[in-house]
Amino acid sequence: DGQLLDLGSNKLLFDRAKTGRSTCKTCGQNIQKEELRYGVRAYSGGRTVIFYAHVLCFQQQIGVEYVKAWRGKCKGSGVPFVPGDLR
């Protein structure tokens, strides 16, 4: 089974596709059976679902920056950012 990472209310899942029926929500292409995929739990249509993406598509969407001001907090843990932190 997949590796589930608990980030507070957000759940990230990395696993291999059990079938070839899932679709990448980033590029719209099918995710082939046994291919690595990334999933995130979200609320859609009145229920909790997992949205999947190819690992490479997921990596291309990740952005990292240094915090410049005393504003904002982590959505997963709720801990406030400190200038110089990566987010």
PDB file of N, CA and C in Angstrom:
ATOM      1  N   ASP A   1       0.832  -1.199   0.000  1.00  0.00           N
ATOM      2  CA  ASP A   1       0.000   0.000   0.000  1.00  0.00           C
ATOM      3  C   ASP A   1       0.865   1.247   0.000  1.00  0.00           C
ATOM      4  N   GLY A   2       0.213   2.413  -0.134  1.00  0.00           N
ATOM      5  CA  GLY A   2       0.921   3.670  -0.268  1.00  0.00           C
ATOM      6  C   GLY A   2       1.440   4.210   1.046  1.00  0.00           C
ATOM      7  N   GLN A   3       2.252   5.212   0.932  1.00  0.00           N
ATOM      8  CA  GLN A   3       2.822   5.912   2.069  1.00  0.00           C
ATOM      9  C   GLN A   3       1.955   7.127   2.334  1.00  0.00           C
ATOM     10  N   LEU A   4       1.346   7.207   3.522  1.00  0.00           N
ATOM     11  CA  LEU A   4       0.483   8.324   3.872  1.00  0.00           C
ATOM     12  C   LEU A   4       1.247   9.266   4.785  1.00  0.00           C
ATOM     13  N   LEU A   5       1.309  10.532   4.409  1.00  0.00           N
ATOM     14  CA  LEU A   5       1.982  11.549   5.211  1.00  0.00           C
ATOM     15  C   LEU A   5       0.921  12.420   5.847  1.00  0.00           C
ATOM     16  N   ASP A   6       0.907  12.495   7.161  1.00  0.00           N
ATOM     17  CA  ASP A   6      -0.095  13.271   7.882  1.00  0.00           C
ATOM     18  C   ASP A   6       0.412  14.695   8.070  1.00  0.00           C
ATOM     19  N   LEU A   7      -0.252  15.660   7.441  1.00  0.00           N
ATOM     20  CA  LEU A   7       0.100  17.071   7.572  1.00  0.00           C
ATOM     21  C   LEU A   7      -1.085  17.847   8.129  1.00  0.00           C
ATOM     22  N   GLY A   8      -1.536  17.423   9.292  1.00  0.00           N
ATOM     23  CA  GLY A   8      -2.694  18.073   9.898  1.00  0.00           C
ATOM     24  C   GLY A   8      -3.958  17.652   9.178  1.00  0.00           C
ATOM     25  N   SER A   9      -4.703  18.621   8.646  1.00  0.00           N
ATOM     26  CA  SER A   9      -5.952  18.301   7.963  1.00  0.00           C
ATOM     27  C   SER A   9      -5.718  17.831   6.531  1.00  0.00           C
ATOM     28  N   ASN A  10      -4.517  18.051   5.986  1.00  0.00           N
ATOM     29  CA  ASN A  10      -4.209  17.623   4.618  1.00  0.00           C
ATOM     30  C   ASN A  10      -3.533  16.266   4.649  1.00  0.00           C
ATOM     31  N   LYS A  11      -3.909  15.394   3.743  1.00  0.00           N
ATOM     32  CA  LYS A  11      -3.322  14.062   3.665  1.00  0.00           C
ATOM     33  C   LYS A  11      -2.679  13.893   2.294  1.00  0.00           C
ATOM     34  N   LEU A  12      -1.391  13.577   2.270  1.00  0.00           N
ATOM     35  CA  LEU A  12      -0.669  13.320   1.034  1.00  0.00           C
ATOM     36  C   LEU A  12      -0.412  11.831   0.929  1.00  0.00           C
ATOM     37  N   LEU A  13      -0.552  11.299  -0.266  1.00  0.00           N
ATOM     38  CA  LEU A  13      -0.391   9.869  -0.483  1.00  0.00           C
ATOM     39  C   LEU A  13       0.514   9.647  -1.683  1.00  0.00           C
ATOM     40  N   PHE A  14       1.560   8.824  -1.513  1.00  0.00           N
ATOM     41  CA  PHE A  14       2.410   8.405  -2.618  1.00  0.00           C
ATOM     42  C   PHE A  14       2.301   6.899  -2.705  1.00  0.00           C
ATOM     43  N   ASP A  15       1.903   6.386  -3.865  1.00  0.00           N
ATOM     44  CA  ASP A  15       1.803   4.939  -4.044  1.00  0.00           C
ATOM     45  C   ASP A  15       1.890   4.591  -5.519  1.00  0.00           C
ATOM     46  N   ARG A  16       1.762   3.316  -5.823  1.00  0.00           N
ATOM     47  CA  ARG A  16       1.714   2.844  -7.206  1.00  0.00           C
ATOM     48  C   ARG A  16       0.253   2.629  -7.578  1.00  0.00           C
ATOM     49  N   ALA A  17      -0.104   3.015  -8.793  1.00  0.00           N
ATOM     50  CA  ALA A  17      -1.483   2.862  -9.256  1.00  0.00           C
ATOM     51  C   ALA A  17      -1.852   1.381  -9.309  1.00  0.00           C
ATOM     52  N   LYS A  18      -2.964   1.040  -8.705  1.00  0.00           N
ATOM     53  CA  LYS A  18      -3.413  -0.353  -8.681  1.00  0.00           C
ATOM     54  C   LYS A  18      -4.055  -0.756 -10.008  1.00  0.00           C
ATOM     55  N   THR A  19      -4.614   0.219 -10.729  1.00  0.00           N
ATOM     56  CA  THR A  19      -5.206  -0.008 -12.050  1.00  0.00           C
ATOM     57  C   THR A  19      -4.713   1.099 -12.970  1.00  0.00           C
ATOM     58  N   GLY A  20      -5.127   1.087 -14.192  1.00  0.00           N
ATOM     59  CA  GLY A  20      -4.772   2.143 -15.133  1.00  0.00           C
ATOM     60  C   GLY A  20      -5.910   3.117 -15.351  1.00  0.00           C
ATOM     61  N   ARG A  21      -6.841   3.212 -14.391  1.00  0.00           N
ATOM     62  CA  ARG A  21      -8.039   4.035 -14.568  1.00  0.00           C
ATOM     63  C   ARG A  21      -7.937   5.436 -13.992  1.00  0.00           C
ATOM     64  N   SER A  22      -6.970   5.714 -13.139  1.00  0.00           N
ATOM     65  CA  SER A  22      -6.904   7.053 -12.536  1.00  0.00           C
ATOM     66  C   SER A  22      -6.338   8.057 -13.538  1.00  0.00           C
ATOM     67  N   THR A  23      -6.734   9.302 -13.360  1.00  0.00           N
ATOM     68  CA  THR A  23      -6.334  10.380 -14.258  1.00  0.00           C
ATOM     69  C   THR A  23      -5.554  11.426 -13.483  1.00  0.00           C
ATOM     70  N   CYS A  24      -4.473  11.920 -14.075  1.00  0.00           N
ATOM     71  CA  CYS A  24      -3.675  12.984 -13.483  1.00  0.00           C
ATOM     72  C   CYS A  24      -4.479  14.280 -13.523  1.00  0.00           C
ATOM     73  N   LYS A  25      -4.681  14.919 -12.382  1.00  0.00           N
ATOM     74  CA  LYS A  25      -5.457  16.155 -12.315  1.00  0.00           C
ATOM     75  C   LYS A  25      -4.656  17.364 -12.787  1.00  0.00           C
ATOM     76  N   THR A  26      -3.350  17.176 -13.039  1.00  0.00           N
ATOM     77  CA  THR A  26      -2.521  18.270 -13.533  1.00  0.00           C
ATOM     78  C   THR A  26      -2.490  18.293 -15.058  1.00  0.00           C
ATOM     79  N   CYS A  27      -2.171  17.139 -15.687  1.00  0.00           N
ATOM     80  CA  CYS A  27      -2.020  17.104 -17.143  1.00  0.00           C
ATOM     81  C   CYS A  27      -3.204  16.454 -17.856  1.00  0.00           C
ATOM     82  N   GLY A  28      -4.079  15.743 -17.131  1.00  0.00           N
ATOM     83  CA  GLY A  28      -5.248  15.121 -17.721  1.00  0.00           C
ATOM     84  C   GLY A  28      -5.013  13.758 -18.364  1.00  0.00           C
ATOM     85  N   GLN A  29      -3.777  13.256 -18.333  1.00  0.00           N
ATOM     86  CA  GLN A  29      -3.452  11.956 -18.923  1.00  0.00           C
ATOM     87  C   GLN A  29      -3.718  10.839 -17.919  1.00  0.00           C
ATOM     88  N   ASN A  30      -3.929   9.612 -18.432  1.00  0.00           N
ATOM     89  CA  ASN A  30      -4.101   8.458 -17.553  1.00  0.00           C
ATOM     90  C   ASN A  30      -2.809   8.145 -16.815  1.00  0.00           C
ATOM     91  N   ILE A  31      -2.963   7.617 -15.618  1.00  0.00           N
ATOM     92  CA  ILE A  31      -1.824   7.131 -14.843  1.00  0.00           C
ATOM     93  C   ILE A  31      -1.826   5.617 -15.015  1.00  0.00           C
ATOM     94  N   GLN A  32      -0.767   5.084 -15.603  1.00  0.00           N
ATOM     95  CA  GLN A  32      -0.698   3.665 -15.935  1.00  0.00           C
ATOM     96  C   GLN A  32      -0.604   2.793 -14.686  1.00  0.00           C
ATOM     97  N   LYS A  33      -1.048   1.560 -14.803  1.00  0.00           N
ATOM     98  CA  LYS A  33      -0.973   0.593 -13.709  1.00  0.00           C
ATOM     99  C   LYS A  33       0.478   0.435 -13.259  1.00  0.00           C
ATOM    100  N   GLU A  34       0.702   0.423 -11.944  1.00  0.00           N
ATOM    101  CA  GLU A  34       2.005   0.282 -11.289  1.00  0.00           C
ATOM    102  C   GLU A  34       2.887   1.533 -11.385  1.00  0.00           C
ATOM    103  N   GLU A  35       2.388   2.617 -12.004  1.00  0.00           N
ATOM    104  CA  GLU A  35       3.152   3.860 -12.077  1.00  0.00           C
ATOM    105  C   GLU A  35       3.038   4.605 -10.748  1.00  0.00           C
ATOM    106  N   LEU A  36       4.138   5.234 -10.315  1.00  0.00           N
ATOM    107  CA  LEU A  36       4.088   6.026  -9.087  1.00  0.00           C
ATOM    108  C   LEU A  36       3.157   7.211  -9.295  1.00  0.00           C
ATOM    109  N   ARG A  37       2.396   7.528  -8.254  1.00  0.00           N
ATOM    110  CA  ARG A  37       1.485   8.660  -8.306  1.00  0.00           C
ATOM    111  C   ARG A  37       1.425   9.340  -6.955  1.00  0.00           C
ATOM    112  N   TYR A  38       0.998  10.580  -6.978  1.00  0.00           N
ATOM    113  CA  TYR A  38       0.814  11.393  -5.779  1.00  0.00           C
ATOM    114  C   TYR A  38      -0.678  11.642  -5.634  1.00  0.00           C
ATOM    115  N   GLY A  39      -1.183  11.578  -4.420  1.00  0.00           N
ATOM    116  CA  GLY A  39      -2.590  11.848  -4.186  1.00  0.00           C
ATOM    117  C   GLY A  39      -2.782  12.799  -3.019  1.00  0.00           C
ATOM    118  N   VAL A  40      -3.850  13.556  -3.081  1.00  0.00           N
ATOM    119  CA  VAL A  40      -4.206  14.444  -1.977  1.00  0.00           C
ATOM    120  C   VAL A  40      -5.699  14.300  -1.721  1.00  0.00           C
ATOM    121  N   ARG A  41      -6.066  14.194  -0.462  1.00  0.00           N
ATOM    122  CA  ARG A  41      -7.486  14.097  -0.103  1.00  0.00           C
ATOM    123  C   ARG A  41      -8.101  15.480  -0.154  1.00  0.00           C
ATOM    124  N   ALA A  42      -9.285  15.546  -0.746  1.00  0.00           N
ATOM    125  CA  ALA A  42      -9.988  16.822  -0.874  1.00  0.00           C
ATOM    126  C   ALA A  42     -11.485  16.567  -0.780  1.00  0.00           C
ATOM    127  N   TYR A  43     -12.222  17.632  -0.530  1.00  0.00           N
ATOM    128  CA  TYR A  43     -13.672  17.562  -0.428  1.00  0.00           C
ATOM    129  C   TYR A  43     -14.247  17.991  -1.766  1.00  0.00           C
ATOM    130  N   SER A  44     -15.020  17.123  -2.413  1.00  0.00           N
ATOM    131  CA  SER A  44     -15.595  17.423  -3.720  1.00  0.00           C
ATOM    132  C   SER A  44     -16.928  16.701  -3.873  1.00  0.00           C
ATOM    133  N   GLY A  45     -17.916  17.394  -4.346  1.00  0.00           N
ATOM    134  CA  GLY A  45     -19.218  16.782  -4.592  1.00  0.00           C
ATOM    135  C   GLY A  45     -19.871  16.218  -3.349  1.00  0.00           C
ATOM    136  N   GLY A  46     -19.629  16.833  -2.205  1.00  0.00           N
ATOM    137  CA  GLY A  46     -20.253  16.396  -0.968  1.00  0.00           C
ATOM    138  C   GLY A  46     -19.576  15.229  -0.284  1.00  0.00           C
ATOM    139  N   ARG A  47     -18.378  14.861  -0.736  1.00  0.00           N
ATOM    140  CA  ARG A  47     -17.668  13.743  -0.103  1.00  0.00           C
ATOM    141  C   ARG A  47     -16.163  13.953  -0.217  1.00  0.00           C
ATOM    142  N   THR A  48     -15.415  13.199   0.565  1.00  0.00           N
ATOM    143  CA  THR A  48     -13.964  13.256   0.518  1.00  0.00           C
ATOM    144  C   THR A  48     -13.459  12.298  -0.557  1.00  0.00           C
ATOM    145  N   VAL A  49     -12.610  12.813  -1.457  1.00  0.00           N
ATOM    146  CA  VAL A  49     -12.047  12.013  -2.537  1.00  0.00           C
ATOM    147  C   VAL A  49     -10.535  12.219  -2.565  1.00  0.00           C
ATOM    148  N   ILE A  50      -9.846  11.384  -3.320  1.00  0.00           N
ATOM    149  CA  ILE A  50      -8.405  11.549  -3.513  1.00  0.00           C
ATOM    150  C   ILE A  50      -8.169  11.970  -4.952  1.00  0.00           C
ATOM    151  N   PHE A  51      -7.508  13.100  -5.134  1.00  0.00           N
ATOM    152  CA  PHE A  51      -7.112  13.566  -6.456  1.00  0.00           C
ATOM    153  C   PHE A  51      -5.676  13.114  -6.693  1.00  0.00           C
ATOM    154  N   TYR A  52      -5.452  12.447  -7.832  1.00  0.00           N
ATOM    155  CA  TYR A  52      -4.130  11.906  -8.143  1.00  0.00           C
ATOM    156  C   TYR A  52      -3.422  12.719  -9.206  1.00  0.00           C
ATOM    157  N   ALA A  53      -2.088  12.660  -9.196  1.00  0.00           N
ATOM    158  CA  ALA A  53      -1.252  13.285 -10.218  1.00  0.00           C
ATOM    159  C   ALA A  53       0.002  12.430 -10.413  1.00  0.00           C
ATOM    160  N   HIS A  54       0.579  12.503 -11.628  1.00  0.00           N
ATOM    161  CA  HIS A  54       1.877  11.869 -11.845  1.00  0.00           C
ATOM    162  C   HIS A  54       2.877  12.507 -10.882  1.00  0.00           C
ATOM    163  N   VAL A  55       3.854  11.764 -10.453  1.00  0.00           N
ATOM    164  CA  VAL A  55       4.855  12.312  -9.536  1.00  0.00           C
ATOM    165  C   VAL A  55       5.583  13.482 -10.193  1.00  0.00           C
ATOM    166  N   LEU A  56       5.941  13.366 -11.479  1.00  0.00           N
ATOM    167  CA  LEU A  56       6.639  14.461 -12.156  1.00  0.00           C
ATOM    168  C   LEU A  56       5.754  15.698 -12.295  1.00  0.00           C
ATOM    169  N   CYS A  57       4.480  15.501 -12.587  1.00  0.00           N
ATOM    170  CA  CYS A  57       3.548  16.640 -12.661  1.00  0.00           C
ATOM    171  C   CYS A  57       3.453  17.325 -11.302  1.00  0.00           C
ATOM    172  N   PHE A  58       3.393  16.536 -10.242  1.00  0.00           N
ATOM    173  CA  PHE A  58       3.339  17.083  -8.885  1.00  0.00           C
ATOM    174  C   PHE A  58       4.592  17.896  -8.580  1.00  0.00           C
ATOM    175  N   GLN A  59       5.766  17.342  -8.927  1.00  0.00           N
ATOM    176  CA  GLN A  59       7.027  18.025  -8.645  1.00  0.00           C
ATOM    177  C   GLN A  59       7.126  19.354  -9.385  1.00  0.00           C
ATOM    178  N   GLN A  60       6.584  19.416 -10.603  1.00  0.00           N
ATOM    179  CA  GLN A  60       6.632  20.656 -11.375  1.00  0.00           C
ATOM    180  C   GLN A  60       5.741  21.738 -10.766  1.00  0.00           C
ATOM    181  N   GLN A  61       4.744  21.343  -9.986  1.00  0.00           N
ATOM    182  CA  GLN A  61       3.817  22.301  -9.384  1.00  0.00           C
ATOM    183  C   GLN A  61       4.285  22.823  -8.032  1.00  0.00           C
ATOM    184  N   ILE A  62       5.329  22.205  -7.477  1.00  0.00           N
ATOM    185  CA  ILE A  62       5.816  22.619  -6.153  1.00  0.00           C
ATOM    186  C   ILE A  62       6.616  23.906  -6.289  1.00  0.00           C
ATOM    187  N   GLY A  63       6.338  24.845  -5.427  1.00  0.00           N
ATOM    188  CA  GLY A  63       7.090  26.095  -5.380  1.00  0.00           C
ATOM    189  C   GLY A  63       7.606  26.320  -3.970  1.00  0.00           C
ATOM    190  N   VAL A  64       8.838  26.800  -3.869  1.00  0.00           N
ATOM    191  CA  VAL A  64       9.447  27.052  -2.568  1.00  0.00           C
ATOM    192  C   VAL A  64       9.986  28.474  -2.561  1.00  0.00           C
ATOM    193  N   GLU A  65       9.791  29.138  -1.439  1.00  0.00           N
ATOM    194  CA  GLU A  65      10.316  30.490  -1.305  1.00  0.00           C
ATOM    195  C   GLU A  65      10.694  30.745   0.149  1.00  0.00           C
ATOM    196  N   TYR A  66      11.525  31.762   0.371  1.00  0.00           N
ATOM    197  CA  TYR A  66      11.870  32.181   1.722  1.00  0.00           C
ATOM    198  C   TYR A  66      10.834  33.183   2.211  1.00  0.00           C
ATOM    199  N   VAL A  67      10.446  33.060   3.467  1.00  0.00           N
ATOM    200  CA  VAL A  67       9.503  33.994   4.084  1.00  0.00           C
ATOM    201  C   VAL A  67      10.233  35.318   4.309  1.00  0.00           C
ATOM    202  N   LYS A  68       9.600  36.423   3.910  1.00  0.00           N
ATOM    203  CA  LYS A  68      10.231  37.737   4.025  1.00  0.00           C
ATOM    204  C   LYS A  68       9.668  38.568   5.172  1.00  0.00           C
ATOM    205  N   ALA A  69       8.462  38.242   5.637  1.00  0.00           N
ATOM    206  CA  ALA A  69       7.813  39.058   6.664  1.00  0.00           C
ATOM    207  C   ALA A  69       7.202  38.150   7.730  1.00  0.00           C
ATOM    208  N   TRP A  70       6.735  38.739   8.798  1.00  0.00           N
ATOM    209  CA  TRP A  70       6.114  38.013   9.909  1.00  0.00           C
ATOM    210  C   TRP A  70       4.638  37.763   9.626  1.00  0.00           C
ATOM    211  N   ARG A  71       4.301  37.355   8.410  1.00  0.00           N
ATOM    212  CA  ARG A  71       2.905  37.100   8.058  1.00  0.00           C
ATOM    213  C   ARG A  71       2.764  35.643   7.607  1.00  0.00           C
ATOM    214  N   GLY A  72       1.613  35.081   7.869  1.00  0.00           N
ATOM    215  CA  GLY A  72       1.273  33.750   7.387  1.00  0.00           C
ATOM    216  C   GLY A  72       1.634  32.651   8.366  1.00  0.00           C
ATOM    217  N   LYS A  73       1.026  31.494   8.125  1.00  0.00           N
ATOM    218  CA  LYS A  73       1.313  30.324   8.943  1.00  0.00           C
ATOM    219  C   LYS A  73       1.141  29.074   8.091  1.00  0.00           C
ATOM    220  N   CYS A  74       1.705  27.972   8.541  1.00  0.00           N
ATOM    221  CA  CYS A  74       1.632  26.698   7.845  1.00  0.00           C
ATOM    222  C   CYS A  74       0.184  26.201   7.857  1.00  0.00           C
ATOM    223  N   LYS A  75      -0.335  25.820   6.682  1.00  0.00           N
ATOM    224  CA  LYS A  75      -1.709  25.320   6.610  1.00  0.00           C
ATOM    225  C   LYS A  75      -1.846  23.953   7.267  1.00  0.00           C
ATOM    226  N   GLY A  76      -0.761  23.184   7.309  1.00  0.00           N
ATOM    227  CA  GLY A  76      -0.816  21.854   7.900  1.00  0.00           C
ATOM    228  C   GLY A  76      -0.751  21.869   9.413  1.00  0.00           C
ATOM    229  N   SER A  77       0.211  22.638   9.968  1.00  0.00           N
ATOM    230  CA  SER A  77       0.426  22.621  11.415  1.00  0.00           C
ATOM    231  C   SER A  77      -0.125  23.846  12.136  1.00  0.00           C
ATOM    232  N   GLY A  78      -0.339  24.942  11.388  1.00  0.00           N
ATOM    233  CA  GLY A  78      -0.811  26.172  12.016  1.00  0.00           C
ATOM    234  C   GLY A  78       0.290  26.989  12.657  1.00  0.00           C
ATOM    235  N   VAL A  79       1.539  26.572  12.551  1.00  0.00           N
ATOM    236  CA  VAL A  79       2.669  27.272  13.152  1.00  0.00           C
ATOM    237  C   VAL A  79       2.996  28.509  12.300  1.00  0.00           C
ATOM    238  N   PRO A  80       3.116  29.695  12.938  1.00  0.00           N
ATOM    239  CA  PRO A  80       3.432  30.909  12.187  1.00  0.00           C
ATOM    240  C   PRO A  80       4.814  30.841  11.543  1.00  0.00           C
ATOM    241  N   PHE A  81       4.956  31.446  10.363  1.00  0.00           N
ATOM    242  CA  PHE A  81       6.254  31.515   9.694  1.00  0.00           C
ATOM    243  C   PHE A  81       7.103  32.613  10.312  1.00  0.00           C
ATOM    244  N   VAL A  82       8.408  32.399  10.276  1.00  0.00           N
ATOM    245  CA  VAL A  82       9.400  33.361  10.747  1.00  0.00           C
ATOM    246  C   VAL A  82      10.204  33.784   9.529  1.00  0.00           C
ATOM    247  N   PRO A  83      10.533  35.091   9.386  1.00  0.00           N
ATOM    248  CA  PRO A  83      11.337  35.504   8.240  1.00  0.00           C
ATOM    249  C   PRO A  83      12.592  34.631   8.119  1.00  0.00           C
ATOM    250  N   GLY A  84      12.846  34.169   6.888  1.00  0.00           N
ATOM    251  CA  GLY A  84      13.978  33.283   6.622  1.00  0.00           C
ATOM    252  C   GLY A  84      13.581  31.816   6.501  1.00  0.00           C
ATOM    253  N   ASP A  85      12.387  31.454   7.001  1.00  0.00           N
ATOM    254  CA  ASP A  85      11.887  30.074   6.856  1.00  0.00           C
ATOM    255  C   ASP A  85      11.586  29.778   5.390  1.00  0.00           C
ATOM    256  N   LEU A  86      11.694  28.505   5.023  1.00  0.00           N
ATOM    257  CA  LEU A  86      11.231  28.061   3.715  1.00  0.00           C
ATOM    258  C   LEU A  86       9.760  27.705   3.803  1.00  0.00           C
ATOM    259  N   ARG A  87       9.025  28.085   2.779  1.00  0.00           N
ATOM    260  CA  ARG A  87       7.612  27.666   2.717  1.00  0.00           C
ATOM    261  C   ARG A  87       7.265  27.255   1.308  1.00  0.00           C
TER     262      ARG A  87
END
